[in-house]
Amino acid sequence: MVIELQRLYRDGWTDGEILINGVLLCRSIELRWANNERNISCVPEGVYPVAIIQHPKHGECLQIRWCERQIRYPGTCGQ
């Protein structure tokens, strides 16, 4: 399985689309790029290990592990 995040960088935020094997799963929105500063920057571009987890509040999510931090994206559109 290939999960891909395609991005469009804007002045104050980052729009994205999450695709699985080339098929659109959902759209994403992240913080703007700010030189990878914690809590004010989007995830840097790259290749990361991904796991499907069960989050107590959001349900099934994709967990991306990087730089000792974890980012979770809700696995359903519209949350």
Foldseek 3Di string as FASTA:
>chain_A
DDWDWDWDADDFWIKIFIDDPNHTQEIDIGGHDDPPDPPRHDDDDDDFDWDWDQDPPQGTWIWTDDDNDIDTDRRHYPD
